[in-house]
Amino acid sequence: MNVFAALARRSLPARRTLRILWAAPVSLCALPLLPLALWRAQWRVIDGTLEIASPALGWFLHGPWFRLLTGGSGFAAATIGQVIVARDSHALAECRVHEHTHVRQCLRWGVLFPLAYIAAGLYAAWRARRISAYYEDNPFEREARAAEAAAACIGQPF
């Protein structure tokens, strides 16, 4: 066995731990939602990500910021670091691939992720000269939609 391969294999848990710590401050921003996440909530941990579905979270996901970006409908789910919140379990199942892509992005960008996401969205909106491009043309959202499309293709007959 190659010595370098053995060292790389041993360092994987350490790298994962560092990535989690790098994203932890963003994940902690989900704490204010805890009271909403307690009412009729379903909690699960999937691939190291806390997923919470609760009808009370609909209030947060239909807030003015999300309605502005979506033209009035709000979001079914949202990612805050390694925490995914959804209005119900059906919405969570529908959005899981998309939201887990954002979790991986946050693990990659760490504490810089919110700033990078906002900057990318503002740049997209400025280039398109419309606010809806903030979400539609944001490269982080494009990556998440591509992951959804790839997952939808798996299992489809040719």
C-alpha atoms as a PDB file:
ATOM      1  CA  MET A   1       0.000   0.000   0.000  1.00  0.00           C
ATOM      2  CA  ASN A   2       1.168   3.471  -0.821  1.00  0.00           C
ATOM      3  CA  VAL A   3       2.247   5.437   2.253  1.00  0.00           C
ATOM      4  CA  PHE A   4       0.648   8.637   0.927  1.00  0.00           C
ATOM      5  CA  ALA A   5      -2.682   6.874   0.360  1.00  0.00           C
ATOM      6  CA  ALA A   6      -2.606   5.557   3.927  1.00  0.00           C
ATOM      7  CA  LEU A   7      -1.896   9.033   5.316  1.00  0.00           C
ATOM      8  CA  ALA A   8      -4.645  10.569   3.210  1.00  0.00           C
ATOM      9  CA  ARG A   9      -7.119   7.943   4.428  1.00  0.00           C
ATOM     10  CA  ARG A  10      -6.244   8.673   8.066  1.00  0.00           C
ATOM     11  CA  SER A  11      -6.622  12.420   7.611  1.00  0.00           C
ATOM     12  CA  LEU A  12     -10.161  12.231   6.176  1.00  0.00           C
ATOM     13  CA  PRO A  13     -11.868  12.349   9.602  1.00  0.00           C
ATOM     14  CA  ALA A  14      -9.649  15.271  10.617  1.00  0.00           C
ATOM     15  CA  ARG A  15     -10.466  17.161   7.414  1.00  0.00           C
ATOM     16  CA  ARG A  16     -14.187  16.521   7.869  1.00  0.00           C
ATOM     17  CA  THR A  17     -14.007  17.788  11.446  1.00  0.00           C
ATOM     18  CA  LEU A  18     -12.196  20.935  10.320  1.00  0.00           C
ATOM     19  CA  ARG A  19     -14.802  21.558   7.612  1.00  0.00           C
ATOM     20  CA  ILE A  20     -17.602  21.191  10.172  1.00  0.00           C
ATOM     21  CA  LEU A  21     -15.869  23.651  12.515  1.00  0.00           C
ATOM     22  CA  TRP A  22     -15.259  26.015   9.569  1.00  0.00           C
ATOM     23  CA  ALA A  23     -19.037  26.052   8.877  1.00  0.00           C
ATOM     24  CA  ALA A  24     -20.183  25.942  12.532  1.00  0.00           C
ATOM     25  CA  PRO A  25     -20.678  29.723  12.973  1.00  0.00           C
ATOM     26  CA  VAL A  26     -23.101  29.692  10.037  1.00  0.00           C
ATOM     27  CA  SER A  27     -24.954  26.689  11.470  1.00  0.00           C
ATOM     28  CA  LEU A  28     -25.323  28.479  14.810  1.00  0.00           C
ATOM     29  CA  CYS A  29     -27.334  31.180  13.020  1.00  0.00           C
ATOM     30  CA  ALA A  30     -30.203  28.647  12.950  1.00  0.00           C
ATOM     31  CA  LEU A  31     -30.548  28.837  16.766  1.00  0.00           C
ATOM     32  CA  PRO A  32     -33.134  31.686  16.701  1.00  0.00           C
ATOM     33  CA  LEU A  33     -35.431  29.335  14.776  1.00  0.00           C
ATOM     34  CA  LEU A  34     -35.364  26.771  17.590  1.00  0.00           C
ATOM     35  CA  PRO A  35     -38.707  27.855  19.139  1.00  0.00           C
ATOM     36  CA  LEU A  36     -40.409  27.407  15.750  1.00  0.00           C
ATOM     37  CA  ALA A  37     -38.635  24.089  15.250  1.00  0.00           C
ATOM     38  CA  LEU A  38     -40.158  22.630  18.423  1.00  0.00           C
ATOM     39  CA  TRP A  39     -43.837  22.823  17.453  1.00  0.00           C
ATOM     40  CA  ARG A  40     -45.035  19.612  15.729  1.00  0.00           C
ATOM     41  CA  ALA A  41     -41.541  19.162  14.349  1.00  0.00           C
ATOM     42  CA  GLN A  42     -39.775  16.217  12.811  1.00  0.00           C
ATOM     43  CA  TRP A  43     -36.009  16.145  13.343  1.00  0.00           C
ATOM     44  CA  ARG A  44     -33.554  13.927  11.494  1.00  0.00           C
ATOM     45  CA  VAL A  45     -29.827  13.804  10.920  1.00  0.00           C
ATOM     46  CA  ILE A  46     -28.876  12.753   7.397  1.00  0.00           C
ATOM     47  CA  ASP A  47     -25.238  12.739   6.262  1.00  0.00           C
ATOM     48  CA  GLY A  48     -24.266  14.879   9.257  1.00  0.00           C
ATOM     49  CA  THR A  49     -26.923  17.509   8.485  1.00  0.00           C
ATOM     50  CA  LEU A  50     -29.744  18.356  10.885  1.00  0.00           C
ATOM     51  CA  GLU A  51     -33.062  18.434   9.002  1.00  0.00           C
ATOM     52  CA  ILE A  52     -36.077  19.995  10.707  1.00  0.00           C
ATOM     53  CA  ALA A  53     -39.597  20.034   9.288  1.00  0.00           C
ATOM     54  CA  SER A  54     -42.280  21.981  11.119  1.00  0.00           C
ATOM     55  CA  PRO A  55     -45.399  23.862   9.998  1.00  0.00           C
ATOM     56  CA  ALA A  56     -44.302  26.743  12.231  1.00  0.00           C
ATOM     57  CA  LEU A  57     -41.180  27.186  10.093  1.00  0.00           C
ATOM     58  CA  GLY A  58     -43.486  28.214   7.259  1.00  0.00           C
ATOM     59  CA  TRP A  59     -43.620  31.629   8.923  1.00  0.00           C
ATOM     60  CA  PHE A  60     -39.862  32.025   8.474  1.00  0.00           C
ATOM     61  CA  LEU A  61     -39.802  30.550   4.952  1.00  0.00           C
ATOM     62  CA  HIS A  62     -42.598  32.857   3.802  1.00  0.00           C
ATOM     63  CA  GLY A  63     -40.986  35.949   5.276  1.00  0.00           C
ATOM     64  CA  PRO A  64     -40.668  39.159   3.275  1.00  0.00           C
ATOM     65  CA  TRP A  65     -37.090  38.479   2.125  1.00  0.00           C
ATOM     66  CA  PHE A  66     -37.976  35.061   0.682  1.00  0.00           C
ATOM     67  CA  ARG A  67     -41.209  36.364  -0.891  1.00  0.00           C
ATOM     68  CA  LEU A  68     -39.280  39.147  -2.589  1.00  0.00           C
ATOM     69  CA  LEU A  69     -36.838  36.666  -4.132  1.00  0.00           C
ATOM     70  CA  THR A  70     -39.519  34.250  -5.315  1.00  0.00           C
ATOM     71  CA  GLY A  71     -42.167  36.669  -6.491  1.00  0.00           C
ATOM     72  CA  GLY A  72     -44.436  36.056  -3.523  1.00  0.00           C
ATOM     73  CA  SER A  73     -44.436  32.307  -2.873  1.00  0.00           C
ATOM     74  CA  GLY A  74     -41.565  32.028  -0.386  1.00  0.00           C
ATOM     75  CA  PHE A  75     -39.439  28.898   0.007  1.00  0.00           C
ATOM     76  CA  ALA A  76     -40.336  25.329   0.864  1.00  0.00           C
ATOM     77  CA  ALA A  77     -36.970  24.832   2.623  1.00  0.00           C
ATOM     78  CA  ALA A  78     -33.771  26.710   3.399  1.00  0.00           C
ATOM     79  CA  THR A  79     -30.243  25.840   4.478  1.00  0.00           C
ATOM     80  CA  ILE A  80     -28.414  27.539   7.325  1.00  0.00           C
ATOM     81  CA  GLY A  81     -24.978  25.972   7.546  1.00  0.00           C
ATOM     82  CA  GLN A  82     -25.532  22.307   8.357  1.00  0.00           C
ATOM     83  CA  VAL A  83     -29.162  22.842   9.312  1.00  0.00           C
ATOM     84  CA  ILE A  84     -31.998  22.481   6.809  1.00  0.00           C
ATOM     85  CA  VAL A  85     -35.412  23.840   7.780  1.00  0.00           C
ATOM     86  CA  ALA A  86     -38.607  23.038   5.894  1.00  0.00           C
ATOM     87  CA  ARG A  87     -42.282  23.796   6.291  1.00  0.00           C
ATOM     88  CA  ASP A  88     -43.203  20.082   6.271  1.00  0.00           C
ATOM     89  CA  SER A  89     -41.729  16.636   5.651  1.00  0.00           C
ATOM     90  CA  HIS A  90     -43.012  16.529   2.059  1.00  0.00           C
ATOM     91  CA  ALA A  91     -41.254  19.809   1.224  1.00  0.00           C
ATOM     92  CA  LEU A  92     -38.102  18.504   2.887  1.00  0.00           C
ATOM     93  CA  ALA A  93     -38.147  15.324   0.812  1.00  0.00           C
ATOM     94  CA  GLU A  94     -38.695  17.330  -2.375  1.00  0.00           C
ATOM     95  CA  CYS A  95     -35.860  19.768  -1.589  1.00  0.00           C
ATOM     96  CA  ARG A  96     -33.369  17.393   0.045  1.00  0.00           C
ATOM     97  CA  VAL A  97     -30.893  17.119  -2.875  1.00  0.00           C
ATOM     98  CA  HIS A  98     -30.997  20.867  -3.493  1.00  0.00           C
ATOM     99  CA  GLU A  99     -30.510  21.790   0.162  1.00  0.00           C
ATOM    100  CA  HIS A 100     -27.759  19.228   0.775  1.00  0.00           C
ATOM    101  CA  THR A 101     -25.891  20.843  -2.125  1.00  0.00           C
ATOM    102  CA  HIS A 102     -26.008  24.105  -0.157  1.00  0.00           C
ATOM    103  CA  VAL A 103     -24.707  22.265   2.916  1.00  0.00           C
ATOM    104  CA  ARG A 104     -21.702  21.050   0.898  1.00  0.00           C
ATOM    105  CA  GLN A 105     -21.189  24.599  -0.395  1.00  0.00           C
ATOM    106  CA  CYS A 106     -21.193  25.890   3.174  1.00  0.00           C
ATOM    107  CA  LEU A 107     -18.704  23.233   4.246  1.00  0.00           C
ATOM    108  CA  ARG A 108     -16.470  24.364   1.370  1.00  0.00           C
ATOM    109  CA  TRP A 109     -16.827  28.126   1.935  1.00  0.00           C
ATOM    110  CA  GLY A 110     -17.272  28.045   5.727  1.00  0.00           C
ATOM    111  CA  VAL A 111     -17.928  31.356   7.441  1.00  0.00           C
ATOM    112  CA  LEU A 112     -17.517  33.099   4.083  1.00  0.00           C
ATOM    113  CA  PHE A 113     -20.487  31.267   2.549  1.00  0.00           C
ATOM    114  CA  PRO A 114     -23.218  33.791   3.474  1.00  0.00           C
ATOM    115  CA  LEU A 115     -21.108  36.655   2.126  1.00  0.00           C
ATOM    116  CA  ALA A 116     -20.200  34.753  -1.051  1.00  0.00           C
ATOM    117  CA  TYR A 117     -23.846  33.783  -1.619  1.00  0.00           C
ATOM    118  CA  ILE A 118     -25.077  37.349  -1.125  1.00  0.00           C
ATOM    119  CA  ALA A 119     -22.320  38.809  -3.328  1.00  0.00           C
ATOM    120  CA  ALA A 120     -23.011  36.279  -6.093  1.00  0.00           C
ATOM    121  CA  GLY A 121     -26.728  37.018  -5.930  1.00  0.00           C
ATOM    122  CA  LEU A 122     -26.258  40.781  -5.980  1.00  0.00           C
ATOM    123  CA  TYR A 123     -23.898  40.503  -8.916  1.00  0.00           C
ATOM    124  CA  ALA A 124     -26.389  38.289 -10.792  1.00  0.00           C
ATOM    125  CA  ALA A 125     -29.229  40.754 -10.103  1.00  0.00           C
ATOM    126  CA  TRP A 126     -27.079  43.704 -11.145  1.00  0.00           C
ATOM    127  CA  ARG A 127     -26.046  42.001 -14.398  1.00  0.00           C
ATOM    128  CA  ALA A 128     -29.615  41.029 -15.279  1.00  0.00           C
ATOM    129  CA  ARG A 129     -31.075  44.298 -13.973  1.00  0.00           C
ATOM    130  CA  ARG A 130     -33.823  42.443 -12.086  1.00  0.00           C
ATOM    131  CA  ILE A 131     -34.107  41.313  -8.477  1.00  0.00           C
ATOM    132  CA  SER A 132     -35.381  37.815  -9.347  1.00  0.00           C
ATOM    133  CA  ALA A 133     -31.966  37.083 -10.898  1.00  0.00           C
ATOM    134  CA  TYR A 134     -30.531  37.257  -7.354  1.00  0.00           C
ATOM    135  CA  TYR A 135     -31.939  33.771  -6.807  1.00  0.00           C
ATOM    136  CA  GLU A 136     -32.449  32.460 -10.353  1.00  0.00           C
ATOM    137  CA  ASP A 137     -28.987  33.279 -11.696  1.00  0.00           C
ATOM    138  CA  ASN A 138     -26.999  32.887  -8.494  1.00  0.00           C
ATOM    139  CA  PRO A 139     -24.169  30.378  -9.213  1.00  0.00           C
ATOM    140  CA  PHE A 140     -24.783  28.648  -5.871  1.00  0.00           C
ATOM    141  CA  GLU A 141     -28.425  28.087  -6.854  1.00  0.00           C
ATOM    142  CA  ARG A 142     -27.437  26.931 -10.321  1.00  0.00           C
ATOM    143  CA  GLU A 143     -25.165  24.301  -8.773  1.00  0.00           C
ATOM    144  CA  ALA A 144     -27.998  23.130  -6.497  1.00  0.00           C
ATOM    145  CA  ARG A 145     -30.470  22.939  -9.399  1.00  0.00           C
ATOM    146  CA  ALA A 146     -27.911  20.984 -11.448  1.00  0.00           C
ATOM    147  CA  ALA A 147     -27.583  18.488  -8.578  1.00  0.00           C
ATOM    148  CA  GLU A 148     -31.372  18.153  -8.512  1.00  0.00           C
ATOM    149  CA  ALA A 149     -31.471  17.545 -12.260  1.00  0.00           C
ATOM    150  CA  ALA A 150     -28.692  14.943 -12.020  1.00  0.00           C
ATOM    151  CA  ALA A 151     -30.490  13.160  -9.185  1.00  0.00           C
ATOM    152  CA  ALA A 152     -33.747  13.179 -11.150  1.00  0.00           C
ATOM    153  CA  CYS A 153     -31.982  11.536 -14.104  1.00  0.00           C
ATOM    154  CA  ILE A 154     -30.702   8.672 -11.985  1.00  0.00           C
ATOM    155  CA  GLY A 155     -33.055   5.766 -12.307  1.00  0.00           C
ATOM    156  CA  GLN A 156     -34.736   7.151 -15.421  1.00  0.00           C
ATOM    157  CA  PRO A 157     -34.840   4.723 -18.360  1.00  0.00           C
ATOM    158  CA  PHE A 158     -33.018   5.731 -21.524  1.00  0.00           C
END
